[in-house]
Amino acid sequence: MPVWGYGLLNCDSERSLARLIPLLADNELAKRERAVVALGYMGSTAAVAKEKVATALSNSTNEQEKRLIEWCLREIAGE
């Protein structure tokens, strides 16, 4: 688990979102993917991040990452 992941364990959803959303634009693929997975598992609680997740999807050139982000968007929408 990355160091920032341990910080999330002690955060409420608002603080978790504040830590995860900036990672969607990180230069490192692994960080972006971890943030997308965490947001996806948050489901509708991550609705405030939906626009940023959609932006990450449009900026991605990696097919695996795109599929992961699409999954995240479905989870946020409650599908």
N, C-alpha and C. Protein backbone atom coordinates (compact mmCIF):
# COMPACT_ATOMS: atom_id res chain seq x y z
N MET A 1 0.85 -1.17 0.00
CA MET A 1 0.00 0.00 0.00
C MET A 1 0.89 1.23 0.00
N PRO A 2 0.55 2.23 -0.83
CA PRO A 2 1.35 3.45 -0.82
C PRO A 2 1.16 4.22 0.49
N VAL A 3 2.11 5.04 0.83
CA VAL A 3 2.07 5.80 2.08
C VAL A 3 0.79 6.63 2.17
N TRP A 4 0.39 7.28 1.06
CA TRP A 4 -0.82 8.11 1.11
C TRP A 4 -2.06 7.26 1.38
N GLY A 5 -2.00 5.97 1.06
CA GLY A 5 -3.13 5.08 1.31
C GLY A 5 -3.42 4.92 2.79
N TYR A 6 -2.37 4.88 3.60
CA TYR A 6 -2.57 4.76 5.05
C TYR A 6 -3.28 5.98 5.61
N GLY A 7 -3.00 7.14 5.04
CA GLY A 7 -3.69 8.35 5.48
C GLY A 7 -5.18 8.30 5.21
N LEU A 8 -5.56 7.63 4.14
CA LEU A 8 -6.98 7.52 3.81
C LEU A 8 -7.75 6.70 4.83
N LEU A 9 -7.06 5.76 5.46
CA LEU A 9 -7.73 4.90 6.42
C LEU A 9 -8.28 5.68 7.61
N ASN A 10 -7.71 6.83 7.89
CA ASN A 10 -8.14 7.62 9.04
C ASN A 10 -8.96 8.84 8.64
N CYS A 11 -9.37 8.93 7.38
CA CYS A 11 -10.09 10.11 6.90
C CYS A 11 -11.58 9.83 6.74
N ASP A 12 -12.36 10.88 6.86
CA ASP A 12 -13.76 10.78 6.47
C ASP A 12 -13.82 10.91 4.95
N SER A 13 -14.98 10.74 4.37
CA SER A 13 -15.09 10.74 2.90
C SER A 13 -14.67 12.07 2.28
N GLU A 14 -14.97 13.17 2.93
CA GLU A 14 -14.61 14.48 2.38
C GLU A 14 -13.09 14.64 2.29
N ARG A 15 -12.41 14.26 3.33
CA ARG A 15 -10.94 14.36 3.32
C ARG A 15 -10.32 13.33 2.37
N SER A 16 -10.94 12.15 2.27
CA SER A 16 -10.45 11.14 1.33
C SER A 16 -10.56 11.65 -0.09
N LEU A 17 -11.69 12.25 -0.42
CA LEU A 17 -11.88 12.81 -1.77
C LEU A 17 -10.86 13.90 -2.04
N ALA A 18 -10.59 14.72 -1.04
CA ALA A 18 -9.61 15.80 -1.22
C ALA A 18 -8.22 15.25 -1.52
N ARG A 19 -7.92 14.06 -1.01
CA ARG A 19 -6.61 13.44 -1.28
C ARG A 19 -6.60 12.70 -2.62
N LEU A 20 -7.73 12.08 -2.97
CA LEU A 20 -7.79 11.24 -4.16
C LEU A 20 -7.95 12.03 -5.46
N ILE A 21 -8.78 13.03 -5.46
CA ILE A 21 -9.09 13.76 -6.70
C ILE A 21 -7.84 14.31 -7.37
N PRO A 22 -6.91 14.95 -6.67
CA PRO A 22 -5.70 15.45 -7.35
C PRO A 22 -4.87 14.35 -8.00
N LEU A 23 -4.96 13.13 -7.49
CA LEU A 23 -4.17 12.02 -8.04
C LEU A 23 -4.67 11.61 -9.43
N LEU A 24 -5.88 12.00 -9.79
CA LEU A 24 -6.41 11.67 -11.11
C LEU A 24 -5.59 12.31 -12.23
N ALA A 25 -4.87 13.37 -11.91
CA ALA A 25 -4.05 14.07 -12.90
C ALA A 25 -2.56 13.84 -12.70
N ASP A 26 -2.21 12.88 -11.84
CA ASP A 26 -0.80 12.61 -11.57
C ASP A 26 -0.11 12.06 -12.81
N ASN A 27 1.19 12.28 -12.91
CA ASN A 27 1.97 11.78 -14.05
C ASN A 27 2.18 10.27 -14.00
N GLU A 28 2.09 9.68 -12.81
CA GLU A 28 2.32 8.25 -12.65
C GLU A 28 1.02 7.46 -12.83
N LEU A 29 1.03 6.52 -13.76
CA LEU A 29 -0.13 5.69 -14.05
C LEU A 29 -0.62 4.96 -12.81
N ALA A 30 0.29 4.40 -12.04
CA ALA A 30 -0.10 3.64 -10.85
C ALA A 30 -0.87 4.49 -9.85
N LYS A 31 -0.46 5.71 -9.66
CA LYS A 31 -1.17 6.61 -8.73
C LYS A 31 -2.56 6.92 -9.26
N ARG A 32 -2.66 7.19 -10.55
CA ARG A 32 -3.97 7.48 -11.14
C ARG A 32 -4.90 6.28 -11.00
N GLU A 33 -4.37 5.10 -11.29
CA GLU A 33 -5.20 3.89 -11.21
C GLU A 33 -5.65 3.61 -9.79
N ARG A 34 -4.77 3.79 -8.83
CA ARG A 34 -5.16 3.57 -7.42
C ARG A 34 -6.25 4.54 -7.00
N ALA A 35 -6.13 5.78 -7.43
CA ALA A 35 -7.16 6.76 -7.09
C ALA A 35 -8.49 6.39 -7.74
N VAL A 36 -8.45 5.95 -8.99
CA VAL A 36 -9.67 5.57 -9.70
C VAL A 36 -10.34 4.39 -8.99
N VAL A 37 -9.56 3.40 -8.59
CA VAL A 37 -10.12 2.24 -7.89
C VAL A 37 -10.76 2.67 -6.57
N ALA A 38 -10.07 3.48 -5.82
CA ALA A 38 -10.60 3.94 -4.53
C ALA A 38 -11.90 4.72 -4.74
N LEU A 39 -11.94 5.60 -5.71
CA LEU A 39 -13.15 6.37 -5.99
C LEU A 39 -14.28 5.46 -6.45
N GLY A 40 -13.95 4.47 -7.26
CA GLY A 40 -14.97 3.53 -7.72
C GLY A 40 -15.60 2.78 -6.55
N TYR A 41 -14.77 2.34 -5.62
CA TYR A 41 -15.29 1.62 -4.46
C TYR A 41 -16.06 2.53 -3.51
N MET A 42 -15.84 3.82 -3.61
CA MET A 42 -16.63 4.76 -2.80
C MET A 42 -18.04 4.91 -3.36
N GLY A 43 -18.22 4.55 -4.62
CA GLY A 43 -19.55 4.61 -5.24
C GLY A 43 -20.11 6.02 -5.30
N SER A 44 -21.38 6.15 -4.99
CA SER A 44 -22.05 7.45 -5.10
C SER A 44 -21.48 8.50 -4.16
N THR A 45 -20.76 8.07 -3.13
CA THR A 45 -20.10 9.02 -2.22
C THR A 45 -19.08 9.86 -2.99
N ALA A 46 -18.56 9.32 -4.09
CA ALA A 46 -17.55 10.02 -4.89
C ALA A 46 -18.17 10.84 -6.01
N ALA A 47 -19.47 11.09 -5.96
CA ALA A 47 -20.16 11.83 -7.02
C ALA A 47 -19.54 13.20 -7.29
N VAL A 48 -18.99 13.82 -6.28
CA VAL A 48 -18.37 15.14 -6.47
C VAL A 48 -17.13 15.06 -7.36
N ALA A 49 -16.58 13.86 -7.51
CA ALA A 49 -15.38 13.67 -8.33
C ALA A 49 -15.71 13.27 -9.77
N LYS A 50 -16.99 13.10 -10.07
CA LYS A 50 -17.40 12.57 -11.37
C LYS A 50 -16.82 13.35 -12.55
N GLU A 51 -16.87 14.67 -12.47
CA GLU A 51 -16.35 15.50 -13.57
C GLU A 51 -14.84 15.30 -13.74
N LYS A 52 -14.12 15.23 -12.64
CA LYS A 52 -12.66 15.02 -12.72
C LYS A 52 -12.34 13.62 -13.24
N VAL A 53 -13.14 12.64 -12.87
CA VAL A 53 -12.94 11.29 -13.38
C VAL A 53 -13.20 11.26 -14.88
N ALA A 54 -14.25 11.94 -15.32
CA ALA A 54 -14.54 12.02 -16.76
C ALA A 54 -13.42 12.72 -17.50
N THR A 55 -12.83 13.74 -16.92
CA THR A 55 -11.69 14.42 -17.53
C THR A 55 -10.50 13.48 -17.63
N ALA A 56 -10.28 12.69 -16.59
CA ALA A 56 -9.18 11.70 -16.62
C ALA A 56 -9.41 10.70 -17.74
N LEU A 57 -10.66 10.33 -17.97
CA LEU A 57 -10.98 9.41 -19.06
C LEU A 57 -10.63 10.02 -20.41
N SER A 58 -11.00 11.26 -20.60
CA SER A 58 -10.72 11.90 -21.89
C SER A 58 -9.23 12.17 -22.10
N ASN A 59 -8.47 12.27 -21.02
CA ASN A 59 -7.03 12.51 -21.13
C ASN A 59 -6.21 11.23 -21.27
N SER A 60 -6.82 10.10 -20.97
CA SER A 60 -6.08 8.83 -20.98
C SER A 60 -5.85 8.33 -22.40
N THR A 61 -4.66 7.77 -22.60
CA THR A 61 -4.32 7.13 -23.88
C THR A 61 -4.10 5.63 -23.69
N ASN A 62 -4.26 5.16 -22.47
CA ASN A 62 -4.02 3.77 -22.11
C ASN A 62 -5.37 3.04 -22.06
N GLU A 63 -5.55 2.01 -22.88
CA GLU A 63 -6.84 1.31 -22.96
C GLU A 63 -7.24 0.66 -21.64
N GLN A 64 -6.29 0.08 -20.94
CA GLN A 64 -6.60 -0.55 -19.65
C GLN A 64 -7.07 0.52 -18.65
N GLU A 65 -6.39 1.64 -18.63
CA GLU A 65 -6.78 2.72 -17.74
C GLU A 65 -8.17 3.23 -18.11
N LYS A 66 -8.45 3.35 -19.39
CA LYS A 66 -9.77 3.82 -19.83
C LYS A 66 -10.87 2.89 -19.33
N ARG A 67 -10.65 1.58 -19.44
CA ARG A 67 -11.66 0.63 -18.96
C ARG A 67 -11.87 0.76 -17.46
N LEU A 68 -10.78 0.96 -16.73
CA LEU A 68 -10.86 1.14 -15.29
C LEU A 68 -11.64 2.40 -14.94
N ILE A 69 -11.38 3.47 -15.64
CA ILE A 69 -12.08 4.73 -15.39
C ILE A 69 -13.56 4.60 -15.76
N GLU A 70 -13.86 3.91 -16.84
CA GLU A 70 -15.26 3.69 -17.22
C GLU A 70 -15.99 2.90 -16.13
N TRP A 71 -15.31 1.89 -15.57
CA TRP A 71 -15.88 1.14 -14.44
C TRP A 71 -16.16 2.08 -13.28
N CYS A 72 -15.19 2.94 -12.97
CA CYS A 72 -15.33 3.89 -11.87
C CYS A 72 -16.55 4.78 -12.07
N LEU A 73 -16.72 5.29 -13.27
CA LEU A 73 -17.86 6.15 -13.56
C LEU A 73 -19.18 5.41 -13.38
N ARG A 74 -19.23 4.14 -13.77
CA ARG A 74 -20.44 3.34 -13.58
C ARG A 74 -20.72 3.14 -12.09
N GLU A 75 -19.66 2.90 -11.32
CA GLU A 75 -19.84 2.71 -9.88
C GLU A 75 -20.32 4.00 -9.21
N ILE A 76 -19.76 5.12 -9.62
CA ILE A 76 -20.20 6.40 -9.04
C ILE A 76 -21.66 6.66 -9.37
N ALA A 77 -22.07 6.27 -10.59
CA ALA A 77 -23.46 6.48 -11.01
C ALA A 77 -24.42 5.46 -10.40
N GLY A 78 -23.86 4.43 -9.76
CA GLY A 78 -24.71 3.43 -9.12
C GLY A 78 -25.26 2.40 -10.10
N GLU A 79 -24.57 2.22 -11.21
CA GLU A 79 -25.04 1.25 -12.21
C GLU A 79 -24.62 -0.15 -11.88
